[in-house]
Amino acid sequence: GALQLGQALNGVYKTTDARLMEAQHSIGQYDR
């Protein structure tokens, strides 16, 4: 269960990180 929880948290982290990168890219385009 702890391993599954860690994997789920890792997936949430990666998804959040990808969304943050996408938002940063969008902000860069908006600034340009």
Full PDB file with SEQRES, HELIX, SHEET, SSBOND, CRYST1, ORIGX, SCALE, CONECT and MASTER records, all heavy atoms in Angstrom:
SEQRES   1 A   32  GLY ALA LEU GLN LEU GLY GLN ALA LEU ASN GLY VAL TYR          
SEQRES   2 A   32  LYS THR THR ASP ALA ARG LEU MET GLU ALA GLN HIS SER          
SEQRES   3 A   32  ILE GLY GLN TYR ASP ARG                                      
HELIX    1 AA1 ALA A    2  ASP A   31  1                                  30    
CRYST1    1.000    1.000    1.000  90.00  90.00  90.00 P 1           1          
ORIGX1      1.000000  0.000000  0.000000        0.00000                         
ORIGX2      0.000000  1.000000  0.000000        0.00000                         
ORIGX3      0.000000  0.000000  1.000000        0.00000                         
SCALE1      1.000000  0.000000  0.000000        0.00000                         
SCALE2      0.000000  1.000000  0.000000        0.00000                         
SCALE3      0.000000  0.000000  1.000000        0.00000                         
ATOM      1  N   GLY A   1       0.824  -1.227   0.000  1.00  0.00           N  
ATOM      2  CA  GLY A   1       0.000   0.000   0.000  1.00  0.00           C  
ATOM      3  C   GLY A   1       0.843   1.256   0.000  1.00  0.00           C  
ATOM      4  O   GLY A   1       0.549   2.236  -0.695  1.00  0.00           O  
ATOM      5  N   ALA A   2       1.940   1.231   0.807  1.00  0.00           N  
ATOM      6  CA  ALA A   2       2.825   2.401   0.849  1.00  0.00           C  
ATOM      7  C   ALA A   2       3.486   2.624  -0.508  1.00  0.00           C  
ATOM      8  O   ALA A   2       3.653   3.753  -0.969  1.00  0.00           O  
ATOM      9  CB  ALA A   2       3.877   2.215   1.945  1.00  0.00           C  
ATOM     10  N   LEU A   3       3.856   1.499  -1.156  1.00  0.00           N  
ATOM     11  CA  LEU A   3       4.471   1.594  -2.476  1.00  0.00           C  
ATOM     12  C   LEU A   3       3.496   2.178  -3.498  1.00  0.00           C  
ATOM     13  O   LEU A   3       3.847   3.046  -4.299  1.00  0.00           O  
ATOM     14  CB  LEU A   3       4.952   0.214  -2.924  1.00  0.00           C  
ATOM     15  CG  LEU A   3       5.718   0.173  -4.239  1.00  0.00           C  
ATOM     16  CD1 LEU A   3       6.982   1.016  -4.149  1.00  0.00           C  
ATOM     17  CD2 LEU A   3       6.059  -1.264  -4.602  1.00  0.00           C  
ATOM     18  N   GLN A   4       2.237   1.711  -3.458  1.00  0.00           N  
ATOM     19  CA  GLN A   4       1.214   2.236  -4.374  1.00  0.00           C  
ATOM     20  C   GLN A   4       0.963   3.724  -4.105  1.00  0.00           C  
ATOM     21  O   GLN A   4       0.809   4.520  -5.030  1.00  0.00           O  
ATOM     22  CB  GLN A   4      -0.083   1.438  -4.235  1.00  0.00           C  
ATOM     23  CG  GLN A   4      -0.019   0.080  -4.892  1.00  0.00           C  
ATOM     24  CD  GLN A   4      -1.337  -0.680  -4.763  1.00  0.00           C  
ATOM     25  OE1 GLN A   4      -2.178  -0.337  -3.925  1.00  0.00           O  
ATOM     26  NE2 GLN A   4      -1.493  -1.710  -5.580  1.00  0.00           N  
ATOM     27  N   LEU A   5       0.922   4.081  -2.802  1.00  0.00           N  
ATOM     28  CA  LEU A   5       0.737   5.489  -2.442  1.00  0.00           C  
ATOM     29  C   LEU A   5       1.896   6.326  -2.983  1.00  0.00           C  
ATOM     30  O   LEU A   5       1.702   7.417  -3.536  1.00  0.00           O  
ATOM     31  CB  LEU A   5       0.620   5.640  -0.928  1.00  0.00           C  
ATOM     32  CG  LEU A   5       0.475   7.071  -0.420  1.00  0.00           C  
ATOM     33  CD1 LEU A   5      -0.832   7.689  -0.930  1.00  0.00           C  
ATOM     34  CD2 LEU A   5       0.526   7.113   1.085  1.00  0.00           C  
ATOM     35  N   GLY A   6       3.126   5.833  -2.855  1.00  0.00           N  
ATOM     36  CA  GLY A   6       4.289   6.543  -3.372  1.00  0.00           C  
ATOM     37  C   GLY A   6       4.229   6.703  -4.880  1.00  0.00           C  
ATOM     38  O   GLY A   6       4.541   7.764  -5.425  1.00  0.00           O  
ATOM     39  N   GLN A   7       3.804   5.608  -5.572  1.00  0.00           N  
ATOM     40  CA  GLN A   7       3.695   5.689  -7.024  1.00  0.00           C  
ATOM     41  C   GLN A   7       2.611   6.690  -7.439  1.00  0.00           C  
ATOM     42  O   GLN A   7       2.778   7.452  -8.391  1.00  0.00           O  
ATOM     43  CB  GLN A   7       3.385   4.299  -7.604  1.00  0.00           C  
ATOM     44  CG  GLN A   7       4.569   3.357  -7.545  1.00  0.00           C  
ATOM     45  CD  GLN A   7       4.207   1.954  -8.001  1.00  0.00           C  
ATOM     46  OE1 GLN A   7       3.024   1.626  -8.127  1.00  0.00           O  
ATOM     47  NE2 GLN A   7       5.219   1.121  -8.221  1.00  0.00           N  
ATOM     48  N   ALA A   8       1.482   6.673  -6.687  1.00  0.00           N  
ATOM     49  CA  ALA A   8       0.408   7.622  -6.996  1.00  0.00           C  
ATOM     50  C   ALA A   8       0.880   9.054  -6.774  1.00  0.00           C  
ATOM     51  O   ALA A   8       0.619   9.947  -7.594  1.00  0.00           O  
ATOM     52  CB  ALA A   8      -0.829   7.325  -6.148  1.00  0.00           C  
ATOM     53  N   LEU A   9       1.586   9.270  -5.663  1.00  0.00           N  
ATOM     54  CA  LEU A   9       2.102  10.625  -5.393  1.00  0.00           C  
ATOM     55  C   LEU A   9       3.127  11.043  -6.441  1.00  0.00           C  
ATOM     56  O   LEU A   9       3.169  12.198  -6.866  1.00  0.00           O  
ATOM     57  CB  LEU A   9       2.723  10.679  -3.996  1.00  0.00           C  
ATOM     58  CG  LEU A   9       1.729  10.654  -2.838  1.00  0.00           C  
ATOM     59  CD1 LEU A   9       2.473  10.560  -1.520  1.00  0.00           C  
ATOM     60  CD2 LEU A   9       0.836  11.879  -2.849  1.00  0.00           C  
ATOM     61  N   ASN A  10       3.942  10.077  -6.863  1.00  0.00           N  
ATOM     62  CA  ASN A  10       4.919  10.366  -7.915  1.00  0.00           C  
ATOM     63  C   ASN A  10       4.198  10.740  -9.209  1.00  0.00           C  
ATOM     64  O   ASN A  10       4.602  11.668  -9.920  1.00  0.00           O  
ATOM     65  CB  ASN A  10       5.821   9.149  -8.119  1.00  0.00           C  
ATOM     66  CG  ASN A  10       7.012   9.498  -9.000  1.00  0.00           C  
ATOM     67  OD1 ASN A  10       7.417  10.646  -9.068  1.00  0.00           O  
ATOM     68  ND2 ASN A  10       7.563   8.504  -9.668  1.00  0.00           N  
ATOM     69  N   GLY A  11       3.115  10.049  -9.559  1.00  0.00           N  
ATOM     70  CA  GLY A  11       2.329  10.376 -10.759  1.00  0.00           C  
ATOM     71  C   GLY A  11       1.713  11.757 -10.652  1.00  0.00           C  
ATOM     72  O   GLY A  11       1.716  12.533 -11.617  1.00  0.00           O  
ATOM     73  N   VAL A  12       1.175  12.077  -9.462  1.00  0.00           N  
ATOM     74  CA  VAL A  12       0.597  13.415  -9.256  1.00  0.00           C  
ATOM     75  C   VAL A  12       1.674  14.477  -9.410  1.00  0.00           C  
ATOM     76  O   VAL A  12       1.466  15.514 -10.038  1.00  0.00           O  
ATOM     77  CB  VAL A  12      -0.088  13.500  -7.866  1.00  0.00           C  
ATOM     78  CG1 VAL A  12      -0.426  14.940  -7.516  1.00  0.00           C  
ATOM     79  CG2 VAL A  12      -1.327  12.630  -7.836  1.00  0.00           C  
ATOM     80  N   TYR A  13       2.866  14.204  -8.874  1.00  0.00           N  
ATOM     81  CA  TYR A  13       3.970  15.162  -8.973  1.00  0.00           C  
ATOM     82  C   TYR A  13       4.350  15.398 -10.431  1.00  0.00           C  
ATOM     83  O   TYR A  13       4.534  16.522 -10.875  1.00  0.00           O  
ATOM     84  CB  TYR A  13       5.165  14.646  -8.170  1.00  0.00           C  
ATOM     85  CG  TYR A  13       6.420  15.437  -8.404  1.00  0.00           C  
ATOM     86  CD1 TYR A  13       6.599  16.693  -7.821  1.00  0.00           C  
ATOM     87  CD2 TYR A  13       7.429  14.957  -9.248  1.00  0.00           C  
ATOM     88  CE1 TYR A  13       7.744  17.438  -8.050  1.00  0.00           C  
ATOM     89  CE2 TYR A  13       8.570  15.694  -9.488  1.00  0.00           C  
ATOM     90  CZ  TYR A  13       8.715  16.930  -8.881  1.00  0.00           C  
ATOM     91  OH  TYR A  13       9.847  17.659  -9.113  1.00  0.00           O  
ATOM     92  N   LYS A  14       4.487  14.276 -11.205  1.00  0.00           N  
ATOM     93  CA  LYS A  14       4.865  14.407 -12.612  1.00  0.00           C  
ATOM     94  C   LYS A  14       3.800  15.149 -13.405  1.00  0.00           C  
ATOM     95  O   LYS A  14       4.109  15.994 -14.256  1.00  0.00           O  
ATOM     96  CB  LYS A  14       5.118  13.025 -13.219  1.00  0.00           C  
ATOM     97  CG  LYS A  14       6.414  12.405 -12.749  1.00  0.00           C  
ATOM     98  CD  LYS A  14       6.645  11.062 -13.407  1.00  0.00           C  
ATOM     99  CE  LYS A  14       7.967  10.462 -12.942  1.00  0.00           C  
ATOM    100  NZ  LYS A  14       8.194   9.133 -13.513  1.00  0.00           N  
ATOM    101  N   THR A  15       2.507  14.859 -13.142  1.00  0.00           N  
ATOM    102  CA  THR A  15       1.420  15.549 -13.842  1.00  0.00           C  
ATOM    103  C   THR A  15       1.434  17.044 -13.515  1.00  0.00           C  
ATOM    104  O   THR A  15       1.313  17.891 -14.401  1.00  0.00           O  
ATOM    105  CB  THR A  15       0.066  14.934 -13.444  1.00  0.00           C  
ATOM    106  OG1 THR A  15       0.096  13.540 -13.722  1.00  0.00           O  
ATOM    107  CG2 THR A  15      -1.075  15.579 -14.206  1.00  0.00           C  
ATOM    108  N   THR A  16       1.608  17.333 -12.218  1.00  0.00           N  
ATOM    109  CA  THR A  16       1.645  18.742 -11.797  1.00  0.00           C  
ATOM    110  C   THR A  16       2.842  19.455 -12.418  1.00  0.00           C  
ATOM    111  O   THR A  16       2.739  20.587 -12.887  1.00  0.00           O  
ATOM    112  CB  THR A  16       1.711  18.837 -10.262  1.00  0.00           C  
ATOM    113  OG1 THR A  16       0.616  18.119  -9.713  1.00  0.00           O  
ATOM    114  CG2 THR A  16       1.655  20.274  -9.791  1.00  0.00           C  
ATOM    115  N   ASP A  17       3.988  18.771 -12.448  1.00  0.00           N  
ATOM    116  CA  ASP A  17       5.189  19.353 -13.037  1.00  0.00           C  
ATOM    117  C   ASP A  17       4.975  19.625 -14.531  1.00  0.00           C  
ATOM    118  O   ASP A  17       5.362  20.679 -15.050  1.00  0.00           O  
ATOM    119  CB  ASP A  17       6.369  18.408 -12.832  1.00  0.00           C  
ATOM    120  CG  ASP A  17       7.685  19.053 -13.228  1.00  0.00           C  
ATOM    121  OD1 ASP A  17       7.882  20.242 -12.890  1.00  0.00           O  
ATOM    122  OD2 ASP A  17       8.497  18.379 -13.898  1.00  0.00           O  
ATOM    123  N   ALA A  18       4.337  18.670 -15.237  1.00  0.00           N  
ATOM    124  CA  ALA A  18       4.075  18.856 -16.668  1.00  0.00           C  
ATOM    125  C   ALA A  18       3.132  20.036 -16.894  1.00  0.00           C  
ATOM    126  O   ALA A  18       3.329  20.836 -17.814  1.00  0.00           O  
ATOM    127  CB  ALA A  18       3.472  17.579 -17.254  1.00  0.00           C  
ATOM    128  N   ARG A  19       2.115  20.136 -16.033  1.00  0.00           N  
ATOM    129  CA  ARG A  19       1.182  21.268 -16.170  1.00  0.00           C  
ATOM    130  C   ARG A  19       1.880  22.600 -15.898  1.00  0.00           C  
ATOM    131  O   ARG A  19       1.608  23.609 -16.558  1.00  0.00           O  
ATOM    132  CB  ARG A  19      -0.004  21.091 -15.223  1.00  0.00           C  
ATOM    133  CG  ARG A  19      -0.974  20.028 -15.682  1.00  0.00           C  
ATOM    134  CD  ARG A  19      -2.147  19.922 -14.757  1.00  0.00           C  
ATOM    135  NE  ARG A  19      -3.051  18.856 -15.170  1.00  0.00           N  
ATOM    136  CZ  ARG A  19      -4.032  18.377 -14.436  1.00  0.00           C  
ATOM    137  NH1 ARG A  19      -4.241  18.858 -13.235  1.00  0.00           N  
ATOM    138  NH2 ARG A  19      -4.802  17.418 -14.894  1.00  0.00           N  
ATOM    139  N   LEU A  20       2.766  22.604 -14.915  1.00  0.00           N  
ATOM    140  CA  LEU A  20       3.514  23.830 -14.619  1.00  0.00           C  
ATOM    141  C   LEU A  20       4.417  24.216 -15.797  1.00  0.00           C  
ATOM    142  O   LEU A  20       4.532  25.390 -16.150  1.00  0.00           O  
ATOM    143  CB  LEU A  20       4.355  23.660 -13.356  1.00  0.00           C  
ATOM    144  CG  LEU A  20       3.595  23.742 -12.031  1.00  0.00           C  
ATOM    145  CD1 LEU A  20       4.526  23.392 -10.874  1.00  0.00           C  
ATOM    146  CD2 LEU A  20       3.014  25.132 -11.826  1.00  0.00           C  
ATOM    147  N   MET A  21       5.060  23.222 -16.402  1.00  0.00           N  
ATOM    148  CA  MET A  21       5.906  23.506 -17.563  1.00  0.00           C  
ATOM    149  C   MET A  21       5.066  24.053 -18.719  1.00  0.00           C  
ATOM    150  O   MET A  21       5.470  24.987 -19.409  1.00  0.00           O  
ATOM    151  CB  MET A  21       6.643  22.236 -18.005  1.00  0.00           C  
ATOM    152  CG  MET A  21       7.709  21.768 -17.022  1.00  0.00           C  
ATOM    153  SD  MET A  21       9.042  22.943 -16.817  1.00  0.00           S  
ATOM    154  CE  MET A  21       9.893  22.735 -18.346  1.00  0.00           C  
ATOM    155  N   GLU A  22       3.890  23.464 -18.927  1.00  0.00           N  
ATOM    156  CA  GLU A  22       2.987  23.927 -19.992  1.00  0.00           C  
ATOM    157  C   GLU A  22       2.524  25.349 -19.719  1.00  0.00           C  
ATOM    158  O   GLU A  22       2.487  26.195 -20.616  1.00  0.00           O  
ATOM    159  CB  GLU A  22       1.791  22.973 -20.077  1.00  0.00           C  
ATOM    160  CG  GLU A  22       0.858  23.269 -21.229  1.00  0.00           C  
ATOM    161  CD  GLU A  22      -0.305  22.283 -21.292  1.00  0.00           C  
ATOM    162  OE1 GLU A  22      -0.135  21.130 -20.874  1.00  0.00           O  
ATOM    163  OE2 GLU A  22      -1.378  22.708 -21.757  1.00  0.00           O  
ATOM    164  N   ALA A  23       2.191  25.633 -18.461  1.00  0.00           N  
ATOM    165  CA  ALA A  23       1.757  26.992 -18.098  1.00  0.00           C  
ATOM    166  C   ALA A  23       2.899  27.984 -18.295  1.00  0.00           C  
ATOM    167  O   ALA A  23       2.688  29.096 -18.788  1.00  0.00           O  
ATOM    168  CB  ALA A  23       1.271  27.018 -16.650  1.00  0.00           C  
ATOM    169  N   GLN A  24       4.120  27.557 -17.934  1.00  0.00           N  
ATOM    170  CA  GLN A  24       5.278  28.434 -18.110  1.00  0.00           C  
ATOM    171  C   GLN A  24       5.509  28.711 -19.593  1.00  0.00           C  
ATOM    172  O   GLN A  24       5.810  29.837 -19.987  1.00  0.00           O  
ATOM    173  CB  GLN A  24       6.503  27.779 -17.483  1.00  0.00           C  
ATOM    174  CG  GLN A  24       7.715  28.679 -17.428  1.00  0.00           C  
ATOM    175  CD  GLN A  24       8.886  28.013 -16.715  1.00  0.00           C  
ATOM    176  OE1 GLN A  24       8.852  26.828 -16.434  1.00  0.00           O  
ATOM    177  NE2 GLN A  24       9.907  28.775 -16.442  1.00  0.00           N  
ATOM    178  N   HIS A  25       5.346  27.699 -20.422  1.00  0.00           N  
ATOM    179  CA  HIS A  25       5.491  27.862 -21.871  1.00  0.00           C  
ATOM    180  C   HIS A  25       4.432  28.830 -22.412  1.00  0.00           C  
ATOM    181  O   HIS A  25       4.730  29.718 -23.222  1.00  0.00           O  
ATOM    182  CB  HIS A  25       5.381  26.493 -22.553  1.00  0.00           C  
ATOM    183  CG  HIS A  25       5.522  26.557 -24.036  1.00  0.00           C  
ATOM    184  ND1 HIS A  25       6.708  26.869 -24.664  1.00  0.00           N  
ATOM    185  CD2 HIS A  25       4.611  26.353 -25.037  1.00  0.00           C  
ATOM    186  CE1 HIS A  25       6.530  26.856 -25.965  1.00  0.00           C  
ATOM    187  NE2 HIS A  25       5.272  26.547 -26.224  1.00  0.00           N  
ATOM    188  N   SER A  26       3.179  28.658 -21.933  1.00  0.00           N  
ATOM    189  CA  SER A  26       2.091  29.550 -22.373  1.00  0.00           C  
ATOM    190  C   SER A  26       2.366  30.987 -21.952  1.00  0.00           C  
ATOM    191  O   SER A  26       2.139  31.928 -22.711  1.00  0.00           O  
ATOM    192  CB  SER A  26       0.759  29.085 -21.794  1.00  0.00           C  
ATOM    193  OG  SER A  26       0.421  27.813 -22.289  1.00  0.00           O  
ATOM    194  N   ILE A  27       2.872  31.159 -20.758  1.00  0.00           N  
ATOM    195  CA  ILE A  27       3.183  32.516 -20.267  1.00  0.00           C  
ATOM    196  C   ILE A  27       4.298  33.127 -21.119  1.00  0.00           C  
ATOM    197  O   ILE A  27       4.260  34.311 -21.463  1.00  0.00           O  
ATOM    198  CB  ILE A  27       3.563  32.476 -18.775  1.00  0.00           C  
ATOM    199  CG1 ILE A  27       2.313  32.196 -17.937  1.00  0.00           C  
ATOM    200  CG2 ILE A  27       4.229  33.764 -18.336  1.00  0.00           C  
ATOM    201  CD1 ILE A  27       2.585  31.956 -16.482  1.00  0.00           C  
ATOM    202  N   GLY A  28       5.290  32.308 -21.502  1.00  0.00           N  
ATOM    203  CA  GLY A  28       6.365  32.809 -22.371  1.00  0.00           C  
ATOM    204  C   GLY A  28       5.830  33.269 -23.713  1.00  0.00           C  
ATOM    205  O   GLY A  28       6.216  34.315 -24.221  1.00  0.00           O  
ATOM    206  N   GLN A  29       4.918  32.474 -24.292  1.00  0.00           N  
ATOM    207  CA  GLN A  29       4.325  32.864 -25.576  1.00  0.00           C  
ATOM    208  C   GLN A  29       3.506  34.150 -25.425  1.00  0.00           C  
ATOM    209  O   GLN A  29       3.535  35.021 -26.287  1.00  0.00           O  
ATOM    210  CB  GLN A  29       3.440  31.740 -26.114  1.00  0.00           C  
ATOM    211  CG  GLN A  29       4.222  30.555 -26.631  1.00  0.00           C  
ATOM    212  CD  GLN A  29       3.318  29.449 -27.145  1.00  0.00           C  
ATOM    213  OE1 GLN A  29       2.157  29.358 -26.763  1.00  0.00           O  
ATOM    214  NE2 GLN A  29       3.861  28.614 -28.015  1.00  0.00           N  
ATOM    215  N   TYR A  30       2.780  34.246 -24.333  1.00  0.00           N  
ATOM    216  CA  TYR A  30       1.969  35.439 -24.079  1.00  0.00           C  
ATOM    217  C   TYR A  30       2.874  36.665 -23.946  1.00  0.00           C  
ATOM    218  O   TYR A  30       2.578  37.728 -24.491  1.00  0.00           O  
ATOM    219  CB  TYR A  30       1.148  35.218 -22.807  1.00  0.00           C  
ATOM    220  CG  TYR A  30       0.295  36.385 -22.412  1.00  0.00           C  
ATOM    221  CD1 TYR A  30      -0.813  36.744 -23.167  1.00  0.00           C  
ATOM    222  CD2 TYR A  30       0.602  37.150 -21.287  1.00  0.00           C  
ATOM    223  CE1 TYR A  30      -1.595  37.820 -22.803  1.00  0.00           C  
ATOM    224  CE2 TYR A  30      -0.177  38.216 -20.916  1.00  0.00           C  
ATOM    225  CZ  TYR A  30      -1.273  38.553 -21.676  1.00  0.00           C  
ATOM    226  OH  TYR A  30      -2.047  39.625 -21.311  1.00  0.00           O  
ATOM    227  N   ASP A  31       4.003  36.502 -23.231  1.00  0.00           N  
ATOM    228  CA  ASP A  31       4.946  37.616 -23.073  1.00  0.00           C  
ATOM    229  C   ASP A  31       5.520  38.040 -24.426  1.00  0.00           C  
ATOM    230  O   ASP A  31       5.660  39.228 -24.711  1.00  0.00           O  
ATOM    231  CB  ASP A  31       6.090  37.223 -22.129  1.00  0.00           C  
ATOM    232  CG  ASP A  31       5.661  37.214 -20.671  1.00  0.00           C  
ATOM    233  OD1 ASP A  31       4.598  37.802 -20.364  1.00  0.00           O  
ATOM    234  OD2 ASP A  31       6.380  36.618 -19.847  1.00  0.00           O  
ATOM    235  N   ARG A  32       5.857  37.037 -25.274  1.00  0.00           N  
ATOM    236  CA  ARG A  32       6.389  37.376 -26.598  1.00  0.00           C  
ATOM    237  C   ARG A  32       5.338  38.110 -27.434  1.00  0.00           C  
ATOM    238  O   ARG A  32       5.645  39.081 -28.117  1.00  0.00           O  
ATOM    239  CB  ARG A  32       6.851  36.108 -27.317  1.00  0.00           C  
ATOM    240  CG  ARG A  32       8.206  35.599 -26.824  1.00  0.00           C  
ATOM    241  CD  ARG A  32       8.767  34.523 -27.745  1.00  0.00           C  
ATOM    242  NE  ARG A  32       7.961  33.314 -27.761  1.00  0.00           N  
ATOM    243  CZ  ARG A  32       8.033  32.327 -26.881  1.00  0.00           C  
ATOM    244  NH1 ARG A  32       8.892  32.423 -25.883  1.00  0.00           N  
ATOM    245  NH2 ARG A  32       7.262  31.266 -26.975  1.00  0.00           N  
TER     246      ARG A  32                                                      
MASTER        0    0    0    1    0    0    0    6  245    1    0    3          
END                                                                             
